[in-house]
């Protein structure tokens, strides 16, 4: 009897320990990384670079899957409904987590309840640009210029209605108390073409898009929207430095999983992402796309969403930005 009880105890102990062993052995099969943008864009390019290195860190293949459409809502909705087991991940920008919820009444996900942030892998500011022929060299002069043309407000372009560029433009107009006409384009390239050609006097675009044009003297960078100056444009002051502290937005890339991820899996993914971003090859790729390569933790990601959501909703309400 005593021998039988000991054997039963060993069996039960083994059974109870089995789930823990299964979890700590994660991952045991390939992981899918969903990019909610079409192939070829910055998020897709960086997602693939990071996926390869992340797979090396985890000892498993990370397969990139593009699920574009509805301003990232299709891909994000797919991940939100996936099993929270660490085998379906999302990489996306603030568009998914703070912009869409501010301008779309119906989404297939909740920005807070649906996702488990794993970490921010890169950030870049947005830049307010001017055609060099316009007599404006800083924000003070831009405000004076806009007020002088109050009856026929000047235009500013962005790479799309409801994008972060649109939000930065409207946040500045509200803070400065001036009028300008927003001209949304279908992407950065056509907006930049019209800015350089003089069809529009001003535009808001990414630092990455502005950098080569600025170096060639084709555009003038008036301000960057990030909380601190961009290392790519160190001589350009921020909005805050020029008297507009409320205009402090940047574009960031975050990795996330469906909410409910086991704690040990989350810890392993966060650690692997941190090591991935520290890799020289990954840092080089991020910087080539105009992103500052600096990892921020899962907790930082949670805090950022909580901070930006009310800011974006406030800007959207004041500027009447919405997508039906």
Protein backbone atom coordinates (compact mmCIF):
# COMPACT_ATOMS: atom_id res chain seq x y z
CA UNK A 1 0.00 0.00 0.00
CA UNK A 2 2.77 2.42 0.95
CA UNK A 3 4.57 1.75 -2.33
CA UNK A 4 1.37 2.30 -4.27
CA UNK A 5 0.73 5.65 -2.55
CA UNK A 6 4.27 6.82 -3.33
CA UNK A 7 3.81 5.83 -6.97
CA UNK A 8 0.47 7.66 -7.09
CA UNK A 9 2.09 10.76 -5.58
CA UNK A 10 4.85 10.73 -8.17
CA UNK A 11 2.28 10.35 -10.96
CA UNK A 12 0.17 13.25 -9.66
CA UNK A 13 3.21 15.45 -9.21
CA UNK A 14 4.24 14.76 -12.78
CA UNK A 15 0.77 15.55 -14.07
CA UNK A 16 0.62 18.82 -12.15
CA UNK A 17 4.06 19.84 -13.37
CA UNK A 18 3.28 19.08 -17.02
CA UNK A 19 1.51 22.37 -17.87
CA UNK A 20 4.37 24.39 -16.38
CA UNK A 21 6.89 22.48 -18.48
CA UNK A 22 4.77 23.00 -21.59
CA UNK A 23 4.60 26.76 -21.03
CA UNK A 24 8.26 27.27 -20.25
CA UNK A 25 9.20 25.38 -23.42
CA UNK A 26 7.49 28.06 -25.55
CA UNK A 27 7.75 28.34 -28.48
CA UNK A 28 7.39 24.84 -29.89
CA UNK A 29 6.14 25.82 -33.36
CA UNK A 30 6.34 28.74 -35.81
CA UNK A 31 4.93 32.12 -34.77
CA UNK A 32 2.82 34.33 -37.03
CA UNK A 33 3.54 38.07 -37.02
CA UNK A 34 0.65 40.05 -38.50
CA UNK A 35 1.49 43.31 -40.28
CA UNK A 36 -1.75 45.27 -40.86
CA UNK A 37 -0.24 47.20 -43.78
CA UNK A 38 0.44 46.28 -47.42
CA UNK A 39 3.86 44.82 -48.37
CA UNK A 40 6.65 47.28 -49.05
CA UNK A 41 5.89 49.99 -46.49
CA UNK A 42 8.09 50.88 -43.53
CA UNK A 43 6.15 48.73 -41.05
CA UNK A 44 6.29 45.75 -43.38
CA UNK A 45 10.01 46.17 -44.09
CA UNK A 46 10.88 46.56 -40.42
CA UNK A 47 8.48 43.81 -39.39
CA UNK A 48 10.31 41.35 -41.63
CA UNK A 49 13.76 42.39 -40.40
CA UNK A 50 12.69 42.14 -36.76
CA UNK A 51 10.84 38.85 -37.37
CA UNK A 52 13.98 37.19 -38.66
CA UNK A 53 16.08 38.24 -35.67
CA UNK A 54 13.27 37.56 -33.20
CA UNK A 55 12.97 34.04 -34.58
CA UNK A 56 16.68 33.54 -33.96
CA UNK A 57 16.29 34.75 -30.36
CA UNK A 58 13.32 32.43 -29.74
CA UNK A 59 14.65 29.44 -31.65
CA UNK A 60 11.60 29.30 -33.92
CA UNK A 61 10.56 30.70 -37.30
CA UNK A 62 8.51 33.91 -37.20
CA UNK A 63 6.35 34.12 -40.33
CA UNK A 64 5.16 37.56 -41.48
CA UNK A 65 1.57 37.74 -42.70
CA UNK A 66 0.18 40.94 -44.27
CA UNK A 67 -3.47 41.60 -43.42
CA UNK A 68 -4.02 45.13 -44.67
CA UNK A 69 -7.16 47.22 -44.91
CA UNK A 70 -9.52 49.54 -43.03
CA UNK A 71 -6.66 51.60 -41.63
CA UNK A 72 -5.05 48.54 -39.95
CA UNK A 73 -8.39 47.43 -38.40
CA UNK A 74 -8.56 44.18 -40.39
CA UNK A 75 -5.20 42.88 -39.25
CA UNK A 76 -5.61 44.17 -35.71
CA UNK A 77 -9.07 42.60 -35.45
CA UNK A 78 -7.68 39.27 -36.60
CA UNK A 79 -5.01 39.28 -33.89
CA UNK A 80 -7.48 40.43 -31.23
CA UNK A 81 -9.58 37.31 -31.87
CA UNK A 82 -6.62 34.90 -31.94
CA UNK A 83 -5.75 32.56 -29.07
CA UNK A 84 -3.59 34.31 -26.42
CA UNK A 85 -0.86 31.68 -26.62
CA UNK A 86 2.05 33.67 -28.08
CA UNK A 87 1.77 32.19 -31.57
CA UNK A 88 -0.05 35.14 -33.15
CA UNK A 89 1.53 38.58 -32.74
CA UNK A 90 0.89 42.05 -34.13
CA UNK A 91 3.28 44.82 -35.08
CA UNK A 92 1.67 48.16 -35.78
CA UNK A 93 1.83 51.89 -35.21
CA UNK A 94 -0.20 54.28 -33.10
CA UNK A 95 -2.76 54.21 -35.92
CA UNK A 96 -4.08 50.93 -34.51
CA UNK A 97 -3.91 51.71 -30.81
CA UNK A 98 -4.74 55.42 -30.44
CA UNK A 99 -5.75 56.98 -33.79
CA UNK A 100 -8.42 54.54 -35.02
CA UNK A 101 -10.24 54.49 -31.66
CA UNK A 102 -10.42 58.29 -31.78
CA UNK A 103 -11.99 58.51 -35.24
CA UNK A 104 -13.87 55.24 -35.83
CA UNK A 105 -17.03 54.47 -33.91
CA UNK A 106 -16.97 50.75 -34.68
CA UNK A 107 -13.79 48.69 -34.55
CA UNK A 108 -13.33 44.89 -34.39
CA UNK A 109 -11.11 45.35 -31.33
CA UNK A 110 -10.65 47.43 -28.20
CA UNK A 111 -7.27 49.23 -28.05
CA UNK A 112 -6.82 48.41 -24.35
CA UNK A 113 -8.86 45.27 -23.64
CA UNK A 114 -7.92 43.33 -26.79
CA UNK A 115 -4.12 43.56 -26.70
CA UNK A 116 -1.16 42.76 -24.50
CA UNK A 117 1.67 45.18 -25.41
CA UNK A 118 5.06 43.49 -25.60
CA UNK A 119 7.23 46.52 -26.25
CA UNK A 120 7.89 49.50 -28.49
CA UNK A 121 10.68 48.78 -30.96
CA UNK A 122 11.14 52.16 -32.67
CA UNK A 123 9.93 55.75 -32.75
CA UNK A 124 10.09 58.64 -35.18
CA UNK A 125 8.77 62.17 -35.12
CA UNK A 126 6.61 63.94 -37.64
CA UNK A 127 7.81 67.14 -39.27
CA UNK A 128 6.02 70.33 -40.28
CA UNK A 129 7.44 71.30 -43.66
CA UNK A 130 7.35 74.39 -45.84
CA UNK A 131 8.13 75.01 -49.48
CA UNK A 132 11.40 77.03 -49.45
CA UNK A 133 9.76 79.81 -51.50
CA UNK A 134 7.31 80.56 -48.67
CA UNK A 135 8.71 83.31 -46.39
CA UNK A 136 8.48 81.22 -43.21
CA UNK A 137 11.44 79.80 -41.26
CA UNK A 138 9.91 78.89 -37.90
CA UNK A 139 6.56 78.49 -36.15
CA UNK A 140 6.37 82.11 -35.01
CA UNK A 141 6.66 83.25 -38.61
CA UNK A 142 4.15 80.60 -39.73
CA UNK A 143 1.58 81.86 -37.22
CA UNK A 144 2.09 85.43 -38.46
CA UNK A 145 1.84 84.26 -42.08
CA UNK A 146 -1.41 82.38 -41.44
CA UNK A 147 -2.96 85.34 -39.63
CA UNK A 148 -1.98 87.66 -42.48
CA UNK A 149 -3.81 85.30 -44.87
CA UNK A 150 -6.80 84.70 -42.59
CA UNK A 151 -9.36 85.47 -45.32
CA UNK A 152 -7.74 82.95 -47.66
CA UNK A 153 -6.13 80.40 -45.32
CA UNK A 154 -3.05 78.58 -46.65
CA UNK A 155 -3.19 74.82 -47.18
CA UNK A 156 -1.23 72.07 -45.54
CA UNK A 157 -0.98 68.51 -46.81
CA UNK A 158 -0.78 65.18 -45.03
CA UNK A 159 -0.46 61.56 -46.12
CA UNK A 160 -4.13 60.93 -45.42
CA UNK A 161 -7.24 61.95 -43.52
CA UNK A 162 -7.23 60.62 -39.98
CA UNK A 163 -3.50 59.84 -40.02
CA UNK A 164 -0.97 60.91 -37.40
CA UNK A 165 0.17 63.66 -39.79
CA UNK A 166 -3.38 65.01 -39.89
CA UNK A 167 -3.57 64.91 -36.09
CA UNK A 168 -0.30 66.80 -35.69
CA UNK A 169 -1.47 69.47 -38.12
CA UNK A 170 -4.81 69.96 -36.36
CA UNK A 171 -3.23 69.93 -32.89
CA UNK A 172 -0.90 72.74 -33.98
CA UNK A 173 -3.68 74.81 -35.55
CA UNK A 174 -5.72 74.51 -32.36
CA UNK A 175 -2.79 75.44 -30.13
CA UNK A 176 -1.77 78.36 -32.35
CA UNK A 177 -5.30 79.65 -32.91
CA UNK A 178 -4.88 79.89 -36.69
CA UNK A 179 -6.72 78.63 -39.75
CA UNK A 180 -5.29 76.42 -42.49
CA UNK A 181 -6.97 74.12 -44.99
CA UNK A 182 -6.15 70.42 -44.68
CA UNK A 183 -5.45 68.65 -47.97
CA UNK A 184 -5.33 64.85 -47.48
CA UNK A 185 -3.29 62.83 -49.97
CA UNK A 186 -3.19 59.11 -50.64
CA UNK A 187 0.26 58.62 -49.20
CA UNK A 188 3.41 60.55 -48.47
CA UNK A 189 4.85 60.60 -52.01
CA UNK A 190 2.11 62.65 -53.72
CA UNK A 191 1.95 65.09 -50.80
CA UNK A 192 5.70 65.61 -50.95
CA UNK A 193 5.60 66.06 -54.74
CA UNK A 194 3.00 68.82 -54.44
CA UNK A 195 4.87 70.51 -51.60
CA UNK A 196 8.11 70.61 -53.59
CA UNK A 197 6.22 71.75 -56.69
CA UNK A 198 4.54 74.60 -54.83
CA UNK A 199 0.97 73.30 -55.19
CA UNK A 200 0.71 73.45 -51.39
CA UNK A 201 2.85 75.72 -49.16
CA UNK A 202 3.02 73.43 -46.12
CA UNK A 203 2.80 69.76 -45.21
CA UNK A 204 3.19 67.34 -42.31
CA UNK A 205 5.19 64.19 -42.99
CA UNK A 206 7.51 61.74 -41.29
CA UNK A 207 11.07 62.66 -40.44
CA UNK A 208 12.19 59.81 -42.68
CA UNK A 209 10.38 61.30 -45.69
CA UNK A 210 11.54 64.83 -44.91
CA UNK A 211 15.21 64.05 -44.38
CA UNK A 212 16.43 63.51 -47.99
CA UNK A 213 14.33 66.41 -49.31
CA UNK A 214 15.64 68.71 -46.59
CA UNK A 215 19.25 67.79 -47.33
CA UNK A 216 18.71 68.73 -50.98
CA UNK A 217 17.08 72.04 -50.04
CA UNK A 218 13.75 71.07 -51.58
CA UNK A 219 11.79 71.56 -48.35
CA UNK A 220 12.31 73.54 -45.15
CA UNK A 221 11.68 71.75 -41.85
CA UNK A 222 10.00 74.10 -39.37
CA UNK A 223 9.47 71.78 -36.39
CA UNK A 224 9.37 68.15 -35.29
CA UNK A 225 6.52 66.76 -33.24
CA UNK A 226 8.40 64.32 -31.01
CA UNK A 227 8.94 65.25 -27.34
CA UNK A 228 12.67 65.63 -28.04
CA UNK A 229 14.68 66.62 -31.11
CA UNK A 230 15.29 64.01 -33.75
CA UNK A 231 18.84 62.68 -34.01
CA UNK A 232 18.32 62.80 -37.78
CA UNK A 233 17.45 66.53 -37.71
CA UNK A 234 19.30 67.77 -34.60
CA UNK A 235 19.16 71.43 -35.65
CA UNK A 236 15.37 71.48 -35.96
CA UNK A 237 13.54 72.50 -32.75
CA UNK A 238 10.45 70.71 -31.50
CA UNK A 239 6.97 72.25 -31.35
CA UNK A 240 7.39 72.43 -27.57
CA UNK A 241 10.63 74.39 -27.87
CA UNK A 242 8.81 76.92 -30.03
CA UNK A 243 5.98 77.47 -27.57
CA UNK A 244 3.55 74.64 -28.37
CA UNK A 245 4.06 71.92 -25.72
CA UNK A 246 0.70 70.28 -26.47
CA UNK A 247 1.98 69.21 -29.90
CA UNK A 248 4.13 66.33 -28.71
CA UNK A 249 3.24 63.28 -30.81
CA UNK A 250 5.43 60.82 -32.57
CA UNK A 251 5.03 57.67 -34.63
CA UNK A 252 5.94 54.43 -32.93
CA UNK A 253 5.97 50.73 -33.71
CA UNK A 254 4.67 48.37 -31.06
CA UNK A 255 4.56 44.59 -30.81
CA UNK A 256 1.47 43.17 -29.13
CA UNK A 257 -0.33 39.88 -28.54
CA UNK A 258 -3.97 39.05 -27.77
CA UNK A 259 -4.88 40.00 -24.19
CA UNK A 260 -4.56 37.10 -21.76
CA UNK A 261 -1.05 35.97 -22.68
CA UNK A 262 0.53 33.70 -20.03
CA UNK A 263 2.98 35.67 -17.87
CA UNK A 264 5.97 33.47 -18.68
CA UNK A 265 5.32 33.69 -22.43
CA UNK A 266 4.99 37.47 -22.21
CA UNK A 267 8.26 37.72 -20.29
CA UNK A 268 10.05 35.57 -22.86
CA UNK A 269 8.71 37.59 -25.80
CA UNK A 270 9.57 40.92 -24.19
CA UNK A 271 13.10 39.74 -23.41
CA UNK A 272 13.58 38.44 -26.96
CA UNK A 273 12.31 41.71 -28.44
CA UNK A 274 14.68 43.73 -26.26
CA UNK A 275 17.63 41.64 -27.49
CA UNK A 276 16.38 41.91 -31.07
CA UNK A 277 16.23 45.71 -31.07
CA UNK A 278 19.71 45.86 -29.52
CA UNK A 279 21.09 43.91 -32.50
CA UNK A 280 23.31 46.12 -34.73
CA UNK A 281 21.59 44.88 -37.91
CA UNK A 282 18.12 45.66 -36.59
CA UNK A 283 19.20 49.06 -35.28
CA UNK A 284 20.66 49.86 -38.69
CA UNK A 285 17.43 48.85 -40.43
CA UNK A 286 15.31 50.94 -38.08
CA UNK A 287 17.52 53.97 -38.59
CA UNK A 288 17.44 53.50 -42.37
CA UNK A 289 13.65 53.95 -42.15
CA UNK A 290 14.04 57.07 -39.98
CA UNK A 291 13.22 55.37 -36.66
CA UNK A 292 15.10 55.84 -33.41
CA UNK A 293 16.04 52.31 -32.33
CA UNK A 294 15.27 52.29 -28.61
CA UNK A 295 13.30 49.50 -26.94
CA UNK A 296 10.57 50.45 -24.46
CA UNK A 297 9.05 47.81 -22.21
CA UNK A 298 5.60 46.25 -22.27
CA UNK A 299 4.64 48.42 -19.30
CA UNK A 300 5.78 51.52 -21.23
CA UNK A 301 3.57 50.42 -24.12
CA UNK A 302 0.54 50.11 -21.85
CA UNK A 303 1.23 53.56 -20.38
CA UNK A 304 1.68 55.15 -23.80
CA UNK A 305 -1.69 53.92 -25.05
CA UNK A 306 -3.41 55.16 -21.90
CA UNK A 307 -1.74 58.56 -22.29
CA UNK A 308 -2.31 59.06 -26.02
CA UNK A 309 -5.90 57.83 -26.30
CA UNK A 310 -7.51 60.84 -24.57
CA UNK A 311 -5.15 63.22 -26.41
CA UNK A 312 -6.14 61.82 -29.80
CA UNK A 313 -9.83 61.82 -28.93
CA UNK A 314 -9.60 65.44 -27.85
CA UNK A 315 -7.91 66.50 -31.11
CA UNK A 316 -10.39 64.48 -33.17
CA UNK A 317 -13.36 66.05 -31.42
CA UNK A 318 -12.07 69.63 -31.72
CA UNK A 319 -11.13 69.21 -35.39
CA UNK A 320 -14.14 67.02 -36.22
CA UNK A 321 -11.91 64.24 -37.55
CA UNK A 322 -13.89 61.05 -38.03
CA UNK A 323 -14.15 58.09 -40.37
CA UNK A 324 -17.62 56.67 -41.01
